[in-house]
PDB file of N, CA and C in Angstrom:
ATOM      1  N   MET A   1     -13.811 -39.116 -91.206  1.00  0.00           N
ATOM      2  CA  MET A   1     -15.212 -38.577 -91.965  1.00  0.00           C
ATOM      3  C   MET A   1     -15.950 -39.835 -92.044  1.00  0.00           C
ATOM      4  N   PRO A   2     -16.981 -39.033 -91.484  1.00  0.00           N
ATOM      5  CA  PRO A   2     -18.782 -39.853 -91.377  1.00  0.00           C
ATOM      6  C   PRO A   2     -19.175 -39.446 -93.048  1.00  0.00           C
ATOM      7  N   ARG A   3     -19.649 -41.283 -92.935  1.00  0.00           N
ATOM      8  CA  ARG A   3     -20.822 -42.177 -94.026  1.00  0.00           C
ATOM      9  C   ARG A   3     -21.434 -42.447 -93.798  1.00  0.00           C
ATOM     10  N   ILE A   4     -22.513 -43.291 -94.838  1.00  0.00           N
ATOM     11  CA  ILE A   4     -23.684 -44.084 -94.459  1.00  0.00           C
ATOM     12  C   ILE A   4     -23.598 -44.672 -95.854  1.00  0.00           C
ATOM     13  N   ILE A   5     -24.359 -46.677 -95.367  1.00  0.00           N
ATOM     14  CA  ILE A   5     -23.993 -47.514 -96.241  1.00  0.00           C
ATOM     15  C   ILE A   5     -25.314 -47.928 -95.844  1.00  0.00           C
ATOM     16  N   ILE A   6     -25.957 -48.084 -97.672  1.00  0.00           N
ATOM     17  CA  ILE A   6     -27.139 -48.092 -97.907  1.00  0.00           C
ATOM     18  C   ILE A   6     -27.732 -49.842 -98.624  1.00  0.00           C
ATOM     19  N   ASP A   7     -28.580 -50.658 -97.245  1.00  0.00           N
ATOM     20  CA  ASP A   7     -28.844 -51.349 -98.150  1.00  0.00           C
ATOM     21  C   ASP A   7     -29.367 -51.589 -99.233  1.00  0.00           C
ATOM     22  N   LYS A   8     -28.926 -51.566-100.667  1.00  0.00           N
ATOM     23  CA  LYS A   8     -29.964 -51.552-102.351  1.00  0.00           C
ATOM     24  C   LYS A   8     -31.059 -52.428-101.751  1.00  0.00           C
ATOM     25  N   GLU A   9     -31.050 -53.901-101.720  1.00  0.00           N
ATOM     26  CA  GLU A   9     -32.191 -54.485-101.181  1.00  0.00           C
ATOM     27  C   GLU A   9     -33.259 -54.267-100.368  1.00  0.00           C
ATOM     28  N   LYS A  10     -32.813 -53.874 -99.556  1.00  0.00           N
ATOM     29  CA  LYS A  10     -34.040 -53.755 -98.110  1.00  0.00           C
ATOM     30  C   LYS A  10     -34.757 -52.697 -98.937  1.00  0.00           C
ATOM     31  N   CYS A  11     -33.953 -51.534 -99.426  1.00  0.00           N
ATOM     32  CA  CYS A  11     -34.715 -50.164 -99.926  1.00  0.00           C
ATOM     33  C   CYS A  11     -35.047 -50.731-100.687  1.00  0.00           C
ATOM     34  N   LYS A  12     -36.748 -49.768 -99.948  1.00  0.00           N
ATOM     35  CA  LYS A  12     -38.432 -49.609-101.095  1.00  0.00           C
ATOM     36  C   LYS A  12     -38.456 -47.962-101.337  1.00  0.00           C
ATOM     37  N   SER A  13     -37.303 -47.404-102.078  1.00  0.00           N
ATOM     38  CA  SER A  13     -37.578 -46.513-102.733  1.00  0.00           C
ATOM     39  C   SER A  13     -38.614 -45.516-101.721  1.00  0.00           C
ATOM     40  N   CYS A  14     -38.677 -45.380-100.772  1.00  0.00           N
ATOM     41  CA  CYS A  14     -39.996 -44.493 -99.788  1.00  0.00           C
ATOM     42  C   CYS A  14     -39.609 -43.533-100.320  1.00  0.00           C
ATOM     43  N   GLY A  15     -37.552 -42.745-100.523  1.00  0.00           N
ATOM     44  CA  GLY A  15     -37.628 -41.452-100.826  1.00  0.00           C
ATOM     45  C   GLY A  15     -37.922 -40.244 -99.326  1.00  0.00           C
ATOM     46  N   ILE A  16     -37.506 -40.995 -98.344  1.00  0.00           N
ATOM     47  CA  ILE A  16     -37.661 -40.258 -96.759  1.00  0.00           C
ATOM     48  C   ILE A  16     -36.586 -40.192 -96.119  1.00  0.00           C
ATOM     49  N   CYS A  17     -35.356 -41.057 -96.977  1.00  0.00           N
ATOM     50  CA  CYS A  17     -33.798 -40.568 -96.585  1.00  0.00           C
ATOM     51  C   CYS A  17     -34.099 -38.908 -97.032  1.00  0.00           C
ATOM     52  N   ILE A  18     -34.436 -39.494 -98.931  1.00  0.00           N
ATOM     53  CA  ILE A  18     -33.558 -38.157 -99.754  1.00  0.00           C
ATOM     54  C   ILE A  18     -34.340 -36.638 -98.839  1.00  0.00           C
ATOM     55  N   GLU A  19     -35.600 -37.245 -98.567  1.00  0.00           N
ATOM     56  CA  GLU A  19     -35.958 -35.271 -97.981  1.00  0.00           C
ATOM     57  C   GLU A  19     -35.154 -35.242 -96.529  1.00  0.00           C
ATOM     58  N   THR A  20     -35.188 -36.071 -95.859  1.00  0.00           N
ATOM     59  CA  THR A  20     -34.061 -35.856 -94.665  1.00  0.00           C
ATOM     60  C   THR A  20     -33.237 -35.915 -94.530  1.00  0.00           C
ATOM     61  N   CYS A  21     -32.189 -35.591 -95.453  1.00  0.00           N
ATOM     62  CA  CYS A  21     -31.019 -35.477 -95.278  1.00  0.00           C
ATOM     63  C   CYS A  21     -31.103 -33.643 -95.522  1.00  0.00           C
ATOM     64  N   PRO A  22     -30.157 -33.689 -94.525  1.00  0.00           N
ATOM     65  CA  PRO A  22     -29.885 -32.118 -94.378  1.00  0.00           C
ATOM     66  C   PRO A  22     -28.959 -31.061 -95.399  1.00  0.00           C
ATOM     67  N   ASN A  23     -28.139 -32.253 -96.368  1.00  0.00           N
ATOM     68  CA  ASN A  23     -27.081 -31.849 -96.408  1.00  0.00           C
ATOM     69  C   ASN A  23     -27.858 -32.497 -97.669  1.00  0.00           C
ATOM     70  N   LYS A  24     -28.760 -32.944 -98.680  1.00  0.00           N
ATOM     71  CA  LYS A  24     -29.110 -33.644 -99.529  1.00  0.00           C
ATOM     72  C   LYS A  24     -28.083 -34.500-100.142  1.00  0.00           C
ATOM     73  N   LEU A  25     -27.447 -35.901 -99.900  1.00  0.00           N
ATOM     74  CA  LEU A  25     -26.533 -36.358-100.446  1.00  0.00           C
ATOM     75  C   LEU A  25     -26.691 -37.394-100.129  1.00  0.00           C
ATOM     76  N   ILE A  26     -28.686 -38.247-100.853  1.00  0.00           N
ATOM     77  CA  ILE A  26     -29.385 -39.023-101.028  1.00  0.00           C
ATOM     78  C   ILE A  26     -29.251 -38.789-102.071  1.00  0.00           C
ATOM     79  N   LYS A  27     -29.705 -39.284-103.235  1.00  0.00           N
ATOM     80  CA  LYS A  27     -30.339 -40.095-104.393  1.00  0.00           C
ATOM     81  C   LYS A  27     -31.020 -40.776-104.852  1.00  0.00           C
ATOM     82  N   PHE A  28     -31.940 -41.028-105.458  1.00  0.00           N
ATOM     83  CA  PHE A  28     -32.346 -42.367-106.239  1.00  0.00           C
ATOM     84  C   PHE A  28     -31.287 -42.678-107.500  1.00  0.00           C
ATOM     85  N   ALA A  29     -30.459 -44.200-107.623  1.00  0.00           N
ATOM     86  CA  ALA A  29     -29.946 -44.904-108.159  1.00  0.00           C
ATOM     87  C   ALA A  29     -30.556 -44.943-109.807  1.00  0.00           C
ATOM     88  N   SER A  30     -29.875 -44.636-110.526  1.00  0.00           N
ATOM     89  CA  SER A  30     -30.281 -45.261-111.678  1.00  0.00           C
ATOM     90  C   SER A  30     -30.651 -46.861-112.243  1.00  0.00           C
ATOM     91  N   SER A  31     -29.860 -47.256-111.156  1.00  0.00           N
ATOM     92  CA  SER A  31     -30.316 -48.264-111.267  1.00  0.00           C
ATOM     93  C   SER A  31     -31.127 -49.300-110.255  1.00  0.00           C
ATOM     94  N   THR A  32     -32.212 -50.665-110.731  1.00  0.00           N
ATOM     95  CA  THR A  32     -32.757 -50.930-109.385  1.00  0.00           C
ATOM     96  C   THR A  32     -32.145 -52.476-108.893  1.00  0.00           C
ATOM     97  N   ASN A  33     -32.916 -52.185-107.737  1.00  0.00           N
ATOM     98  CA  ASN A  33     -32.556 -53.812-107.211  1.00  0.00           C
ATOM     99  C   ASN A  33     -33.093 -54.268-107.227  1.00  0.00           C
ATOM    100  N   LYS A  34     -33.382 -55.512-106.578  1.00  0.00           N
ATOM    101  CA  LYS A  34     -34.008 -56.997-107.375  1.00  0.00           C
ATOM    102  C   LYS A  34     -35.609 -57.150-107.105  1.00  0.00           C
ATOM    103  N   GLN A  35     -36.120 -55.829-105.828  1.00  0.00           N
ATOM    104  CA  GLN A  35     -37.549 -55.542-106.171  1.00  0.00           C
ATOM    105  C   GLN A  35     -38.228 -55.371-107.515  1.00  0.00           C
ATOM    106  N   GLY A  36     -37.018 -54.555-108.249  1.00  0.00           N
ATOM    107  CA  GLY A  36     -37.243 -53.815-109.415  1.00  0.00           C
ATOM    108  C   GLY A  36     -37.265 -52.514-109.008  1.00  0.00           C
ATOM    109  N   MET A  37     -36.860 -52.046-107.900  1.00  0.00           N
ATOM    110  CA  MET A  37     -37.310 -50.860-106.946  1.00  0.00           C
ATOM    111  C   MET A  37     -35.972 -50.129-107.178  1.00  0.00           C
ATOM    112  N   MET A  38     -36.372 -48.243-107.300  1.00  0.00           N
ATOM    113  CA  MET A  38     -34.726 -47.485-107.459  1.00  0.00           C
ATOM    114  C   MET A  38     -33.877 -47.264-105.790  1.00  0.00           C
ATOM    115  N   PRO A  39     -33.379 -47.835-105.809  1.00  0.00           N
ATOM    116  CA  PRO A  39     -33.002 -47.548-104.412  1.00  0.00           C
ATOM    117  C   PRO A  39     -32.389 -46.429-103.911  1.00  0.00           C
ATOM    118  N   ALA A  40     -32.350 -45.642-102.792  1.00  0.00           N
ATOM    119  CA  ALA A  40     -31.544 -44.626-102.495  1.00  0.00           C
ATOM    120  C   ALA A  40     -30.416 -45.420-102.968  1.00  0.00           C
ATOM    121  N   GLU A  41     -29.488 -43.989-102.550  1.00  0.00           N
ATOM    122  CA  GLU A  41     -27.549 -44.070-103.087  1.00  0.00           C
ATOM    123  C   GLU A  41     -27.735 -42.556-102.387  1.00  0.00           C
ATOM    124  N   PHE A  42     -26.220 -43.037-101.501  1.00  0.00           N
ATOM    125  CA  PHE A  42     -25.488 -41.692-100.631  1.00  0.00           C
ATOM    126  C   PHE A  42     -24.499 -41.417-102.199  1.00  0.00           C
ATOM    127  N   VAL A  43     -24.266 -39.975-102.053  1.00  0.00           N
ATOM    128  CA  VAL A  43     -23.300 -39.315-103.029  1.00  0.00           C
ATOM    129  C   VAL A  43     -22.890 -38.314-102.266  1.00  0.00           C
ATOM    130  N   ASP A  44     -21.395 -38.109-102.008  1.00  0.00           N
ATOM    131  CA  ASP A  44     -20.868 -37.902-100.335  1.00  0.00           C
ATOM    132  C   ASP A  44     -19.192 -37.014-101.846  1.00  0.00           C
ATOM    133  N   ASN A  45     -19.172 -36.082-102.246  1.00  0.00           N
ATOM    134  CA  ASN A  45     -18.136 -35.904-103.563  1.00  0.00           C
ATOM    135  C   ASN A  45     -17.619 -35.451-102.756  1.00  0.00           C
ATOM    136  N   ASP A  46     -18.103 -34.226-102.187  1.00  0.00           N
ATOM    137  CA  ASP A  46     -17.282 -33.030-101.533  1.00  0.00           C
ATOM    138  C   ASP A  46     -17.246 -32.982-100.088  1.00  0.00           C
ATOM    139  N   LYS A  47     -17.604 -34.804 -98.843  1.00  0.00           N
ATOM    140  CA  LYS A  47     -16.883 -34.411 -97.624  1.00  0.00           C
ATOM    141  C   LYS A  47     -18.134 -33.692 -97.385  1.00  0.00           C
ATOM    142  N   LYS A  48     -19.497 -33.452 -96.930  1.00  0.00           N
ATOM    143  CA  LYS A  48     -20.453 -32.944 -96.208  1.00  0.00           C
ATOM    144  C   LYS A  48     -21.043 -33.206 -95.324  1.00  0.00           C
ATOM    145  N   CYS A  49     -20.831 -34.910 -95.430  1.00  0.00           N
ATOM    146  CA  CYS A  49     -21.913 -35.600 -94.412  1.00  0.00           C
ATOM    147  C   CYS A  49     -21.067 -35.106 -93.289  1.00  0.00           C
ATOM    148  N   THR A  50     -22.453 -35.001 -91.774  1.00  0.00           N
ATOM    149  CA  THR A  50     -21.846 -34.360 -91.175  1.00  0.00           C
ATOM    150  C   THR A  50     -21.995 -35.661 -89.663  1.00  0.00           C
ATOM    151  N   GLY A  51     -22.615 -37.020 -90.260  1.00  0.00           N
ATOM    152  CA  GLY A  51     -22.939 -38.424 -88.998  1.00  0.00           C
ATOM    153  C   GLY A  51     -24.153 -37.851 -88.522  1.00  0.00           C
ATOM    154  N   CYS A  52     -25.471 -36.708 -89.280  1.00  0.00           N
ATOM    155  CA  CYS A  52     -25.831 -36.586 -87.995  1.00  0.00           C
ATOM    156  C   CYS A  52     -27.190 -38.552 -88.150  1.00  0.00           C
ATOM    157  N   ALA A  53     -27.196 -39.327 -88.334  1.00  0.00           N
ATOM    158  CA  ALA A  53     -27.514 -40.459 -88.806  1.00  0.00           C
ATOM    159  C   ALA A  53     -29.271 -40.389 -89.137  1.00  0.00           C
ATOM    160  N   LEU A  54     -29.573 -38.703 -89.359  1.00  0.00           N
ATOM    161  CA  LEU A  54     -31.447 -38.347 -89.472  1.00  0.00           C
ATOM    162  C   LEU A  54     -31.687 -39.565 -90.617  1.00  0.00           C
ATOM    163  N   CYS A  55     -31.101 -39.864 -91.415  1.00  0.00           N
ATOM    164  CA  CYS A  55     -31.226 -40.926 -92.631  1.00  0.00           C
ATOM    165  C   CYS A  55     -31.973 -42.237 -92.248  1.00  0.00           C
ATOM    166  N   ALA A  56     -30.732 -42.889 -91.313  1.00  0.00           N
ATOM    167  CA  ALA A  56     -31.318 -43.734 -90.421  1.00  0.00           C
ATOM    168  C   ALA A  56     -31.734 -43.786 -89.509  1.00  0.00           C
ATOM    169  N   ILE A  57     -32.203 -42.930 -89.158  1.00  0.00           N
ATOM    170  CA  ILE A  57     -33.400 -42.915 -87.947  1.00  0.00           C
ATOM    171  C   ILE A  57     -34.738 -42.892 -88.885  1.00  0.00           C
ATOM    172  N   SER A  58     -34.860 -42.582 -90.072  1.00  0.00           N
ATOM    173  CA  SER A  58     -36.021 -41.862 -90.384  1.00  0.00           C
ATOM    174  C   SER A  58     -36.497 -43.316 -91.521  1.00  0.00           C
ATOM    175  N   CYS A  59     -36.005 -43.817 -91.879  1.00  0.00           N
ATOM    176  CA  CYS A  59     -36.074 -45.528 -92.608  1.00  0.00           C
ATOM    177  C   CYS A  59     -36.517 -46.329 -92.098  1.00  0.00           C
ATOM    178  N   PRO A  60     -37.901 -46.294 -92.573  1.00  0.00           N
ATOM    179  CA  PRO A  60     -38.678 -47.057 -92.519  1.00  0.00           C
ATOM    180  C   PRO A  60     -38.087 -49.117 -92.532  1.00  0.00           C
ATOM    181  N   GLU A  61     -38.256 -49.144 -93.086  1.00  0.00           N
ATOM    182  CA  GLU A  61     -37.393 -50.386 -93.499  1.00  0.00           C
ATOM    183  C   GLU A  61     -35.838 -50.437 -92.627  1.00  0.00           C
ATOM    184  N   ILE A  62     -35.051 -49.372 -92.103  1.00  0.00           N
ATOM    185  CA  ILE A  62     -33.973 -50.130 -91.449  1.00  0.00           C
ATOM    186  C   ILE A  62     -32.445 -50.874 -92.633  1.00  0.00           C
ATOM    187  N   ALA A  63     -32.548 -49.181 -93.507  1.00  0.00           N
ATOM    188  CA  ALA A  63     -31.510 -50.189 -94.592  1.00  0.00           C
ATOM    189  C   ALA A  63     -30.628 -49.111 -94.655  1.00  0.00           C
ATOM    190  N   ILE A  64     -30.520 -48.350 -93.515  1.00  0.00           N
ATOM    191  CA  ILE A  64     -28.996 -47.254 -93.645  1.00  0.00           C
ATOM    192  C   ILE A  64     -28.341 -48.006 -91.758  1.00  0.00           C
ATOM    193  N   LYS A  65     -26.942 -47.562 -92.462  1.00  0.00           N
ATOM    194  CA  LYS A  65     -26.697 -47.656 -91.198  1.00  0.00           C
ATOM    195  C   LYS A  65     -25.542 -46.760 -91.339  1.00  0.00           C
ATOM    196  N   GLU A  66     -24.888 -45.853 -90.468  1.00  0.00           N
ATOM    197  CA  GLU A  66     -23.814 -45.048 -90.376  1.00  0.00           C
ATOM    198  C   GLU A  66     -23.015 -45.554 -90.403  1.00  0.00           C
ATOM    199  N   VAL A  67     -21.679 -45.775 -90.983  1.00  0.00           N
ATOM    200  CA  VAL A  67     -20.433 -45.576 -90.852  1.00  0.00           C
ATOM    201  C   VAL A  67     -19.450 -44.376 -90.619  1.00  0.00           C
ATOM    202  N   ILE A  68     -18.671 -45.095 -89.368  1.00  0.00           N
ATOM    203  CA  ILE A  68     -17.668 -43.546 -89.631  1.00  0.00           C
ATOM    204  C   ILE A  68     -16.497 -44.042 -89.952  1.00  0.00           C
ATOM    205  N   ARG A  69     -15.434 -43.353 -90.709  1.00  0.00           N
ATOM    206  CA  ARG A  69     -14.110 -43.823 -91.083  1.00  0.00           C
ATOM    207  C   ARG A  69     -13.819 -42.922 -90.712  1.00  0.00           C
TER     208      ARG A  69
END
């Protein structure tokens, strides 16, 4: 099952990954990171992630890694 990992400390809350995800599986977290930003958060309760990696490719901070389990 494809899955991504977001490094919340690298995320600068630009929202590009949120807009890029075709299945809308990324949202802003409700808590802040050490920089005071609300980082992106991966939410895939229904296992809809296809592993396309568009979010990782579009992230300017290289804060997203695709992990396949």
